[in-house]
C-alpha atoms as a PDB file:
ATOM      1  CA  MET A   1      79.081 230.034 -47.620  1.00  0.00           C
ATOM      2  CA  SER A   2      82.139 228.986 -49.595  1.00  0.00           C
ATOM      3  CA  THR A   3      85.629 230.163 -48.703  1.00  0.00           C
ATOM      4  CA  LYS A   4      87.112 228.895 -51.948  1.00  0.00           C
ATOM      5  CA  ILE A   5      90.072 230.969 -53.177  1.00  0.00           C
ATOM      6  CA  LYS A   6      89.716 232.097 -56.779  1.00  0.00           C
ATOM      7  CA  LEU A   7      93.051 232.070 -58.602  1.00  0.00           C
ATOM      8  CA  THR A   8      91.850 232.616 -62.147  1.00  0.00           C
ATOM      9  CA  ILE A   9      90.667 235.937 -63.533  1.00  0.00           C
ATOM     10  CA  PRO A  10      89.116 236.881 -66.888  1.00  0.00           C
ATOM     11  CA  CYS A  11      91.127 238.754 -69.509  1.00  0.00           C
ATOM     12  CA  ASP A  12      89.477 242.129 -68.935  1.00  0.00           C
ATOM     13  CA  GLU A  13      90.359 241.991 -65.243  1.00  0.00           C
ATOM     14  CA  ALA A  14      93.896 240.845 -66.092  1.00  0.00           C
ATOM     15  CA  ASN A  15      94.342 243.847 -68.381  1.00  0.00           C
ATOM     16  CA  HIS A  16      93.066 246.163 -65.654  1.00  0.00           C
ATOM     17  CA  VAL A  17      95.490 244.666 -63.116  1.00  0.00           C
ATOM     18  CA  CYS A  18      98.292 244.989 -65.679  1.00  0.00           C
ATOM     19  CA  ASP A  19      97.524 248.704 -65.975  1.00  0.00           C
ATOM     20  CA  LYS A  20      97.417 249.068 -62.187  1.00  0.00           C
ATOM     21  CA  THR A  21     100.757 247.257 -61.906  1.00  0.00           C
ATOM     22  CA  GLN A  22     102.373 249.739 -64.298  1.00  0.00           C
ATOM     23  CA  TYR A  23     101.461 252.547 -61.893  1.00  0.00           C
ATOM     24  CA  LYS A  24     102.339 250.519 -58.779  1.00  0.00           C
ATOM     25  CA  GLU A  25      98.711 250.467 -57.624  1.00  0.00           C
ATOM     26  CA  ALA A  26      98.106 246.702 -57.727  1.00  0.00           C
ATOM     27  CA  SER A  27      98.072 244.641 -54.563  1.00  0.00           C
ATOM     28  CA  LEU A  28     100.288 241.592 -54.091  1.00  0.00           C
ATOM     29  CA  TRP A  29      97.272 239.284 -54.467  1.00  0.00           C
ATOM     30  CA  GLU A  30      96.257 240.983 -57.746  1.00  0.00           C
ATOM     31  CA  MET A  31      99.787 240.580 -59.113  1.00  0.00           C
ATOM     32  CA  ILE A  32      99.821 236.893 -58.156  1.00  0.00           C
ATOM     33  CA  LYS A  33      96.509 236.302 -59.959  1.00  0.00           C
ATOM     34  CA  LEU A  34      97.784 238.271 -62.972  1.00  0.00           C
ATOM     35  CA  ASN A  35     100.934 236.154 -63.197  1.00  0.00           C
ATOM     36  CA  ILE A  36      98.881 232.954 -63.002  1.00  0.00           C
ATOM     37  CA  HIS A  37      96.651 234.284 -65.788  1.00  0.00           C
ATOM     38  CA  LEU A  38      99.672 235.191 -67.917  1.00  0.00           C
ATOM     39  CA  ILE A  39     100.910 231.588 -67.742  1.00  0.00           C
ATOM     40  CA  TYR A  40      98.031 230.364 -69.898  1.00  0.00           C
ATOM     41  CA  CYS A  41      96.842 233.458 -71.823  1.00  0.00           C
ATOM     42  CA  ARG A  42      98.939 234.441 -74.827  1.00  0.00           C
ATOM     43  CA  ALA A  43      96.820 237.514 -75.646  1.00  0.00           C
ATOM     44  CA  CYS A  44      97.272 239.000 -72.174  1.00  0.00           C
ATOM     45  CA  ARG A  45     101.005 238.251 -72.256  1.00  0.00           C
ATOM     46  CA  LYS A  46     101.193 240.266 -75.475  1.00  0.00           C
ATOM     47  CA  TYR A  47      99.106 243.080 -73.925  1.00  0.00           C
ATOM     48  CA  THR A  48     101.396 243.158 -70.885  1.00  0.00           C
ATOM     49  CA  LYS A  49     104.521 243.170 -73.052  1.00  0.00           C
ATOM     50  CA  ASN A  50     103.203 246.026 -75.199  1.00  0.00           C
ATOM     51  CA  ASN A  51     102.051 247.976 -72.140  1.00  0.00           C
ATOM     52  CA  THR A  52     105.464 247.620 -70.495  1.00  0.00           C
ATOM     53  CA  SER A  53     107.228 248.642 -73.704  1.00  0.00           C
ATOM     54  CA  LEU A  54     105.039 251.737 -74.064  1.00  0.00           C
ATOM     55  CA  THR A  55     105.661 252.761 -70.455  1.00  0.00           C
ATOM     56  CA  ASN A  56     109.422 252.374 -70.890  1.00  0.00           C
ATOM     57  CA  LYS A  57     109.402 254.427 -74.104  1.00  0.00           C
ATOM     58  CA  LEU A  58     107.475 257.219 -72.388  1.00  0.00           C
ATOM     59  CA  LYS A  59     109.951 257.268 -69.507  1.00  0.00           C
ATOM     60  CA  GLU A  60     112.868 257.447 -71.961  1.00  0.00           C
ATOM     61  CA  SER A  61     111.279 260.185 -74.078  1.00  0.00           C
ATOM     62  CA  GLN A  62     111.905 263.036 -71.617  1.00  0.00           C
ATOM     63  CA  VAL A  63     108.698 264.749 -72.709  1.00  0.00           C
ATOM     64  CA  ALA A  64     108.237 268.174 -71.134  1.00  0.00           C
ATOM     65  CA  CYS A  65     104.692 268.910 -69.972  1.00  0.00           C
ATOM     66  CA  LEU A  66     103.037 272.297 -69.862  1.00  0.00           C
ATOM     67  CA  ASP A  67     102.813 273.998 -66.504  1.00  0.00           C
ATOM     68  CA  LYS A  68      99.447 274.875 -64.975  1.00  0.00           C
ATOM     69  CA  ASP A  69      99.547 278.540 -66.073  1.00  0.00           C
ATOM     70  CA  CYS A  70     100.121 277.623 -69.730  1.00  0.00           C
ATOM     71  CA  LYS A  71      97.275 275.121 -69.635  1.00  0.00           C
ATOM     72  CA  GLU A  72      94.902 277.703 -68.154  1.00  0.00           C
ATOM     73  CA  ALA A  73      95.909 280.288 -70.776  1.00  0.00           C
ATOM     74  CA  MET A  74      95.316 277.760 -73.566  1.00  0.00           C
ATOM     75  CA  LYS A  75      91.914 276.883 -72.106  1.00  0.00           C
ATOM     76  CA  LYS A  76      90.904 280.556 -71.976  1.00  0.00           C
ATOM     77  CA  ASP A  77      92.053 281.092 -75.572  1.00  0.00           C
ATOM     78  CA  PHE A  78      90.156 278.009 -76.696  1.00  0.00           C
ATOM     79  CA  ASP A  79      86.974 279.059 -74.896  1.00  0.00           C
ATOM     80  CA  LYS A  80      87.253 282.545 -76.405  1.00  0.00           C
ATOM     81  CA  ALA A  81      87.741 281.137 -79.922  1.00  0.00           C
ATOM     82  CA  LEU A  82      84.814 278.767 -79.408  1.00  0.00           C
ATOM     83  CA  ILE A  83      82.519 281.643 -78.432  1.00  0.00           C
ATOM     84  CA  GLU A  84      83.668 283.718 -81.410  1.00  0.00           C
ATOM     85  CA  HIS A  85      83.042 280.797 -83.754  1.00  0.00           C
ATOM     86  CA  LYS A  86      79.402 280.473 -82.662  1.00  0.00           C
END
């Protein structure tokens, strides 16, 4: 049984860890492996940069979300319209 520590990760895993990092769900070890990956992978650096930029823009946008009652009313109206359409 090998106890070798794996420091490199593939791009798809790096992108997943990048997403988790944005929502503060990544572990310290995942972030370390991501940063090592970003040293040598230009595509993932670009993905991370774009992901960070998008997150910052959404935070700045001050978008107001619908409350639960409005969402439920819209769902009922949609279901009703769907039944009428059939």
